[in-house]
Amino acid sequence: QLGGTRAAPTLDGGARLQDAAARIPLFGITVEAVDVTVSAGDDDDLVVAGSARSGEGVVELSGRIGVAEETGLFADLALKGDRFQLVRLPDQSAWISPDVTARFDDGRVEFDGRVLVPEAAFQLRELGDSAIDTSDDVVVHREGAGPGEARSYSRIAGRLDIALGDNVTFEGAGLSTRLTGGLLLTFRPGAPPAGEGAFQLVDGTFDALSREMLIERGSLNFYGPLDDPVVDARATRRFRYEARDIKLGIILSGRVSQQLDFKLFSEPAMSEADILSFMVVGRPASSGDGDDSAMTGAALALGLQSLTARRGTGDTLSLDEISFEGGGADDTSVVAGKRIG
């Protein structure tokens, strides 16, 4: 029942949505046991209470909805849950335990809270040798959006503390690791989301030059844009050669948006050529038995050597693909390609 005036409306009664379910193909989940009740409160606001289940987890919604004289419709809501399955796709799965409050008022959204990710698994699928990247002049527009329409963040503000549990894993691009740590997401009106924090690589391995290397330390550090973290990783592999224990490693550092810096090191110290030779064929280049093509392929794969072809104008011709294949000096291939079509 609705009464009162436009400036001071009164509400009475209630409504309930019970035993509902909804499929969400984008995330591959089905939200079940949806139960939401809306009833009139003592202060003429609507009281909201509800719950839903996904997987073995549940979330609960509570709050109130009302009408303010100056700004119109508003809502104060709280969302709490435990191991609610958010994503269930072939290459992605994630469960969350949220504790978030939000206010919707005058077309603005303000929120604050914490989201624990107790378990998640992400796999980065390889595109294959025949995959072709989109050229720089291609612009993709969302359906119904006008040309050049920019994403707007002017109505969103808040903070969200993301914490990773003990069972979050990532696999892809030669990397297999468990992730820990946390990230504070900050949303400000008129600006894209920013992050501050770090994810650590724990119990991880890295496949370099067809050799599995142990990640001794590794982190993704965020100091602003979410798509441009700072990488800091150190991976090592141990060899036994001529009754000596040798430790070889790669240090990877830099921002994702820039060319990452690769550095080789060894214990005891040796030349980069010997380090590469050990990684590829299991012996130093100074032994005289190394395969030059294997060494060049290793350097290319690590980004330690730049391949450019000079044209008449003096510009450089960059390569679109560099890969190294093979398990030893007798079976080594280097593939370098440039798309000219």
Protein backbone atom coordinates (compact mmCIF):
# COMPACT_ATOMS: atom_id res chain seq x y z
CA GLN A 1 0.00 0.00 0.00
CA LEU A 2 1.31 3.42 -1.02
CA GLY A 3 0.11 6.64 0.59
CA GLY A 4 1.16 10.06 1.78
CA THR A 5 2.49 12.80 -0.46
CA ARG A 6 5.20 12.94 -3.09
CA ALA A 7 7.51 14.64 -0.64
CA ALA A 8 6.66 12.25 2.23
CA PRO A 9 5.34 8.93 0.89
CA THR A 10 4.19 6.14 3.21
CA LEU A 11 4.56 2.45 2.49
CA ASP A 12 2.85 -0.53 4.06
CA GLY A 13 2.78 -4.25 3.30
CA GLY A 14 5.41 -6.49 1.75
CA ALA A 15 6.40 -8.91 -1.01
CA ARG A 16 8.48 -12.07 -1.21
CA LEU A 17 10.38 -13.87 -3.96
CA GLN A 18 10.85 -17.50 -2.92
CA ASP A 19 12.59 -20.60 -4.32
CA ALA A 20 13.86 -18.79 -7.42
CA ALA A 21 16.90 -19.65 -9.54
CA ALA A 22 18.85 -17.92 -12.29
CA ARG A 23 21.50 -19.09 -14.73
CA ILE A 24 24.41 -16.69 -15.35
CA PRO A 25 26.23 -18.01 -18.46
CA LEU A 26 28.91 -15.31 -18.31
CA PHE A 27 30.23 -16.82 -15.07
CA GLY A 28 29.05 -20.38 -15.72
CA ILE A 29 27.04 -20.57 -12.49
CA THR A 30 23.45 -21.13 -11.44
CA VAL A 31 22.24 -19.11 -8.45
CA GLU A 32 19.69 -21.21 -6.57
CA ALA A 33 17.45 -21.02 -3.52
CA VAL A 34 16.92 -17.29 -4.05
CA ASP A 35 14.69 -15.94 -1.28
CA VAL A 36 14.13 -12.16 -0.99
CA THR A 37 11.62 -10.42 1.27
CA VAL A 38 10.71 -6.73 1.11
CA SER A 39 8.51 -5.36 3.89
CA ALA A 40 7.52 -1.94 5.21
CA GLY A 41 9.42 -0.73 8.26
CA ASP A 42 8.45 1.54 11.12
CA ASP A 43 10.05 4.61 9.48
CA ASP A 44 8.24 4.22 6.14
CA ASP A 45 11.33 2.63 4.57
CA LEU A 46 11.31 -0.80 2.98
CA VAL A 47 13.29 -3.48 4.83
CA VAL A 48 15.11 -5.94 2.56
CA ALA A 49 16.28 -9.42 3.58
CA GLY A 50 17.36 -12.23 1.33
CA SER A 51 19.69 -15.11 0.61
CA ALA A 52 20.94 -17.16 -2.35
CA ARG A 53 23.15 -20.19 -2.93
CA SER A 54 25.78 -21.05 -5.53
CA GLY A 55 27.73 -24.27 -5.25
CA GLU A 56 27.97 -25.13 -1.57
CA GLY A 57 28.15 -21.49 -0.49
CA VAL A 58 25.59 -18.87 0.40
CA VAL A 59 25.25 -15.08 0.48
CA GLU A 60 22.83 -13.03 2.57
CA LEU A 61 21.45 -9.60 1.71
CA SER A 62 20.07 -7.10 4.21
CA GLY A 63 19.25 -3.40 4.25
CA ARG A 64 16.60 -0.83 3.55
CA ILE A 65 15.17 1.13 0.63
CA GLY A 66 13.57 4.55 1.01
CA VAL A 67 12.82 7.89 -0.56
CA ALA A 68 14.71 11.03 0.45
CA GLU A 69 13.07 14.41 -0.05
CA GLU A 70 16.11 15.94 -1.80
CA THR A 71 17.65 13.05 -3.74
CA GLY A 72 14.76 10.66 -4.26
CA LEU A 73 15.14 6.87 -4.12
CA PHE A 74 18.05 5.47 -2.07
CA ALA A 75 19.16 2.08 -0.74
CA ASP A 76 21.52 0.97 2.03
CA LEU A 77 22.47 -2.68 1.59
CA ALA A 78 24.87 -5.18 3.14
CA LEU A 79 26.09 -8.39 1.53
CA LYS A 80 27.71 -11.20 3.53
CA GLY A 81 28.57 -14.70 2.44
CA ASP A 82 30.70 -17.79 2.85
CA ARG A 83 32.31 -19.72 -0.06
CA PHE A 84 29.81 -18.51 -2.64
CA GLN A 85 30.89 -19.87 -6.04
CA LEU A 86 31.31 -16.85 -8.29
CA VAL A 87 32.88 -18.44 -11.38
CA ARG A 88 32.69 -21.98 -12.79
CA LEU A 89 34.23 -22.08 -16.27
CA PRO A 90 36.56 -24.64 -17.91
CA ASP A 91 39.61 -22.42 -17.35
CA GLN A 92 38.45 -20.39 -14.35
CA SER A 93 36.84 -21.09 -11.00
CA ALA A 94 36.52 -18.93 -7.92
CA TRP A 95 34.75 -18.87 -4.57
CA ILE A 96 34.27 -15.73 -2.48
CA SER A 97 33.30 -14.81 1.09
CA PRO A 98 32.15 -11.17 0.89
CA ASP A 99 31.43 -8.69 3.65
CA VAL A 100 30.46 -5.50 1.81
CA THR A 101 28.17 -2.54 2.45
CA ALA A 102 26.87 -0.28 -0.33
CA ARG A 103 24.72 2.82 -0.69
CA PHE A 104 22.83 3.77 -3.83
CA ASP A 105 21.71 7.39 -3.77
CA ASP A 106 20.94 9.95 -6.49
CA GLY A 107 22.48 7.76 -9.19
CA ARG A 108 25.73 7.29 -7.25
CA VAL A 109 27.20 4.09 -5.84
CA GLU A 110 29.40 4.09 -2.73
CA PHE A 111 30.70 0.88 -1.18
CA ASP A 112 33.18 -0.42 1.36
CA GLY A 113 34.16 -3.86 2.58
CA ARG A 114 36.29 -6.95 2.28
CA VAL A 115 36.17 -9.97 -0.01
CA LEU A 116 38.05 -13.15 0.89
CA VAL A 117 38.88 -15.49 -1.99
CA PRO A 118 39.41 -18.81 -0.18
CA GLU A 119 39.80 -20.85 -3.36
CA ALA A 120 40.32 -20.11 -7.04
CA ALA A 121 42.03 -21.62 -10.08
CA PHE A 122 42.94 -19.79 -13.29
CA GLN A 123 44.41 -21.34 -16.44
CA LEU A 124 45.77 -19.23 -19.29
CA ARG A 125 45.12 -21.17 -22.47
CA GLU A 126 47.65 -21.04 -25.28
CA LEU A 127 46.32 -19.52 -28.52
CA GLY A 128 48.51 -21.64 -30.78
CA ASP A 129 51.05 -20.82 -33.47
CA SER A 130 48.39 -19.77 -36.00
CA ALA A 131 46.79 -17.12 -33.77
CA ILE A 132 46.94 -13.55 -35.09
CA ASP A 133 46.64 -10.59 -32.76
CA THR A 134 44.32 -7.68 -33.48
CA SER A 135 46.10 -4.80 -35.21
CA ASP A 136 46.40 -1.44 -33.48
CA ASP A 137 43.85 0.28 -35.73
CA VAL A 138 40.98 -2.02 -34.72
CA VAL A 139 38.47 -0.52 -32.26
CA VAL A 140 35.77 -2.69 -30.66
CA HIS A 141 32.55 -1.04 -29.48
CA ARG A 142 30.02 -2.51 -27.09
CA GLU A 143 26.62 -3.27 -28.52
CA GLY A 144 24.45 -0.18 -28.34
CA ALA A 145 27.35 2.14 -27.57
CA GLY A 146 28.14 5.10 -29.76
CA PRO A 147 31.48 5.44 -31.56
CA GLY A 148 34.26 6.47 -29.24
CA GLU A 149 32.11 6.17 -26.15
CA ALA A 150 34.36 6.02 -23.08
CA ARG A 151 33.68 4.02 -19.96
CA SER A 152 32.39 6.24 -17.19
CA TYR A 153 33.49 5.91 -13.57
CA SER A 154 31.97 9.23 -12.45
CA ARG A 155 29.24 7.57 -10.34
CA ILE A 156 31.30 4.93 -8.52
CA ALA A 157 33.35 5.43 -5.36
CA GLY A 158 34.57 3.13 -2.64
CA ARG A 159 37.18 0.73 -1.29
CA LEU A 160 37.32 -3.04 -1.55
CA ASP A 161 39.93 -5.12 0.29
CA ILE A 162 40.65 -8.34 -1.65
CA ALA A 163 42.42 -11.10 0.33
CA LEU A 164 43.57 -14.41 -1.17
CA GLY A 165 43.23 -17.65 0.76
CA ASP A 166 45.54 -20.67 0.78
CA ASN A 167 44.15 -22.38 -2.31
CA VAL A 168 44.42 -19.87 -5.17
CA THR A 169 46.41 -21.14 -8.17
CA PHE A 170 47.47 -19.88 -11.60
CA GLU A 171 48.78 -21.84 -14.58
CA GLY A 172 49.79 -20.49 -17.97
CA ALA A 173 52.57 -18.95 -20.06
CA GLY A 174 55.03 -21.44 -18.58
CA LEU A 175 54.12 -20.46 -15.02
CA SER A 176 52.50 -22.75 -12.47
CA THR A 177 52.13 -21.33 -8.98
CA ARG A 178 50.01 -20.70 -5.94
CA LEU A 179 49.09 -17.08 -5.16
CA THR A 180 48.80 -15.40 -1.78
CA GLY A 181 48.54 -11.82 -0.58
CA GLY A 182 46.02 -9.04 -0.90
CA LEU A 183 45.00 -5.98 -2.84
CA LEU A 184 43.15 -2.82 -1.85
CA LEU A 185 40.94 -1.68 -4.73
CA THR A 186 40.07 2.00 -4.76
CA PHE A 187 37.34 3.55 -6.89
CA ARG A 188 37.21 7.31 -7.31
CA PRO A 189 34.71 9.33 -9.35
CA GLY A 190 36.01 10.07 -12.82
CA ALA A 191 38.98 7.68 -12.61
CA PRO A 192 39.50 4.00 -13.42
CA PRO A 193 39.95 1.54 -10.52
CA ALA A 194 43.36 1.55 -8.85
CA GLY A 195 45.05 -1.04 -6.68
CA GLU A 196 47.62 -1.07 -3.91
CA GLY A 197 49.10 -4.30 -2.63
CA ALA A 198 50.89 -7.42 -3.81
CA PHE A 199 50.31 -11.03 -4.80
CA GLN A 200 53.11 -13.46 -3.92
CA LEU A 201 54.07 -16.51 -5.99
CA VAL A 202 54.39 -19.50 -3.66
CA ASP A 203 55.55 -23.06 -4.47
CA GLY A 204 55.77 -22.12 -8.12
CA THR A 205 57.68 -23.34 -11.16
CA PHE A 206 58.57 -21.58 -14.40
CA ASP A 207 59.24 -23.31 -17.72
CA ALA A 208 62.16 -21.55 -19.40
CA LEU A 209 63.98 -22.98 -22.42
CA SER A 210 62.16 -26.31 -22.02
CA ARG A 211 63.52 -26.54 -18.47
CA GLU A 212 61.44 -26.39 -15.32
CA MET A 213 62.81 -23.83 -12.88
CA LEU A 214 61.87 -23.37 -9.24
CA ILE A 215 60.56 -19.94 -8.27
CA GLU A 216 62.47 -18.90 -5.16
CA ARG A 217 60.61 -15.64 -4.85
CA GLY A 218 58.06 -13.82 -6.92
CA SER A 219 55.47 -11.08 -6.63
CA LEU A 220 53.09 -8.88 -8.60
CA ASN A 221 53.13 -5.45 -6.97
CA PHE A 222 50.37 -2.93 -7.63
CA TYR A 223 50.91 0.81 -7.31
CA GLY A 224 48.01 2.25 -9.29
CA PRO A 225 46.50 0.89 -12.52
CA LEU A 226 45.36 -2.72 -12.21
CA ASP A 227 46.65 -3.63 -15.68
CA ASP A 228 50.22 -2.47 -15.01
CA PRO A 229 51.71 -4.27 -11.98
CA VAL A 230 55.43 -4.42 -11.22
CA VAL A 231 56.88 -7.92 -11.63
CA ASP A 232 59.67 -9.16 -9.37
CA ALA A 233 60.56 -12.84 -9.73
CA ARG A 234 63.60 -15.08 -9.28
CA ALA A 235 63.67 -18.63 -10.65
CA THR A 236 66.52 -21.13 -10.28
CA ARG A 237 67.61 -24.58 -11.38
CA ARG A 238 70.41 -26.75 -9.99
CA PHE A 239 72.87 -28.79 -12.06
CA ARG A 240 75.58 -31.29 -11.26
CA TYR A 241 78.59 -30.99 -13.58
CA GLU A 242 82.05 -32.48 -13.16
CA ALA A 243 81.45 -33.22 -9.47
CA ARG A 244 80.37 -29.63 -8.84
CA ASP A 245 76.98 -28.28 -7.74
CA ILE A 246 75.92 -25.37 -9.96
CA LYS A 247 72.95 -23.08 -9.41
CA LEU A 248 71.60 -21.10 -12.35
CA GLY A 249 68.81 -18.58 -12.35
CA ILE A 250 66.76 -15.87 -14.04
CA ILE A 251 65.66 -12.59 -12.45
CA LEU A 252 62.63 -10.97 -14.06
CA SER A 253 61.67 -7.41 -13.11
CA GLY A 254 59.85 -4.37 -14.42
CA ARG A 255 56.40 -3.10 -15.24
CA VAL A 256 54.08 -5.15 -17.42
CA SER A 257 53.44 -2.16 -19.70
CA GLN A 258 57.16 -1.94 -20.50
CA GLN A 259 59.71 -4.45 -21.71
CA LEU A 260 60.52 -6.67 -18.76
CA ASP A 261 64.17 -6.93 -17.77
CA PHE A 262 65.72 -10.41 -17.81
CA LYS A 263 68.96 -11.04 -15.94
CA LEU A 264 70.91 -14.27 -15.67
CA PHE A 265 72.99 -15.29 -12.66
CA SER A 266 74.87 -18.33 -11.43
CA GLU A 267 76.60 -19.74 -8.37
CA PRO A 268 79.55 -19.98 -8.92
CA ALA A 269 79.69 -17.01 -11.28
CA MET A 270 80.05 -17.69 -15.01
CA SER A 271 79.43 -15.95 -18.32
CA GLU A 272 75.95 -15.52 -19.81
CA ALA A 273 76.95 -17.82 -22.66
CA ASP A 274 77.83 -20.59 -20.22
CA ILE A 275 74.60 -20.04 -18.26
CA LEU A 276 72.50 -20.28 -21.42
CA SER A 277 74.44 -23.36 -22.52
CA PHE A 278 73.81 -25.08 -19.20
CA MET A 279 70.08 -24.30 -19.41
CA VAL A 280 69.76 -25.66 -22.94
CA VAL A 281 72.23 -28.54 -23.28
CA GLY A 282 73.46 -29.14 -19.71
CA ARG A 283 77.09 -28.10 -20.22
CA PRO A 284 79.01 -24.81 -20.52
CA ALA A 285 79.65 -23.21 -23.89
CA SER A 286 83.32 -22.99 -22.98
CA SER A 287 83.51 -26.79 -23.14
CA GLY A 288 83.71 -26.52 -26.92
CA ASP A 289 80.77 -28.86 -27.49
CA GLY A 290 78.02 -26.23 -27.46
CA ASP A 291 75.59 -25.74 -30.31
CA ASP A 292 75.69 -22.11 -31.52
CA SER A 293 72.13 -22.26 -32.86
CA ALA A 294 70.88 -23.50 -29.49
CA MET A 295 72.65 -20.63 -27.73
CA THR A 296 71.17 -18.08 -30.12
CA GLY A 297 67.72 -19.59 -29.67
CA ALA A 298 68.07 -19.41 -25.91
CA ALA A 299 69.09 -15.77 -26.08
CA LEU A 300 66.15 -14.96 -28.33
CA ALA A 301 63.67 -16.73 -26.09
CA LEU A 302 64.88 -14.83 -23.03
CA GLY A 303 64.85 -11.45 -24.73
CA LEU A 304 68.59 -11.03 -24.21
CA GLN A 305 69.23 -10.44 -27.90
CA SER A 306 67.32 -8.11 -30.22
CA LEU A 307 66.55 -9.22 -33.77
CA THR A 308 65.90 -6.32 -36.13
CA ALA A 309 66.17 -5.91 -39.88
CA ARG A 310 67.18 -2.55 -41.34
CA ARG A 311 65.12 -1.13 -44.13
CA GLY A 312 66.10 1.59 -46.57
CA THR A 313 64.53 4.32 -44.45
CA GLY A 314 66.55 3.32 -41.40
CA ASP A 315 63.49 2.13 -39.46
CA THR A 316 63.57 -1.17 -37.60
CA LEU A 317 61.44 -4.13 -38.57
CA SER A 318 60.20 -5.78 -35.39
CA LEU A 319 59.37 -9.46 -35.09
CA ASP A 320 55.92 -10.76 -34.20
CA GLU A 321 57.06 -14.20 -33.08
CA ILE A 322 60.20 -15.68 -31.55
CA SER A 323 60.20 -19.21 -30.17
CA PHE A 324 62.72 -21.81 -29.10
CA GLU A 325 62.08 -25.53 -29.38
CA GLY A 326 64.12 -28.61 -28.65
CA GLY A 327 65.55 -30.61 -25.81
CA GLY A 328 69.27 -30.55 -26.52
CA ALA A 329 72.14 -29.71 -28.83
CA ASP A 330 71.10 -32.34 -31.36
CA ASP A 331 67.50 -31.17 -31.59
CA THR A 332 67.23 -27.40 -31.44
CA SER A 333 65.04 -25.06 -33.51
CA VAL A 334 64.64 -21.30 -33.52
CA VAL A 335 61.53 -19.82 -35.15
CA ALA A 336 61.33 -16.09 -35.90
CA GLY A 337 58.48 -14.57 -37.92
CA LYS A 338 57.05 -11.26 -39.10
CA ARG A 339 53.50 -10.76 -40.35
CA ILE A 340 53.69 -8.68 -43.57
CA GLY A 341 50.09 -9.03 -44.81
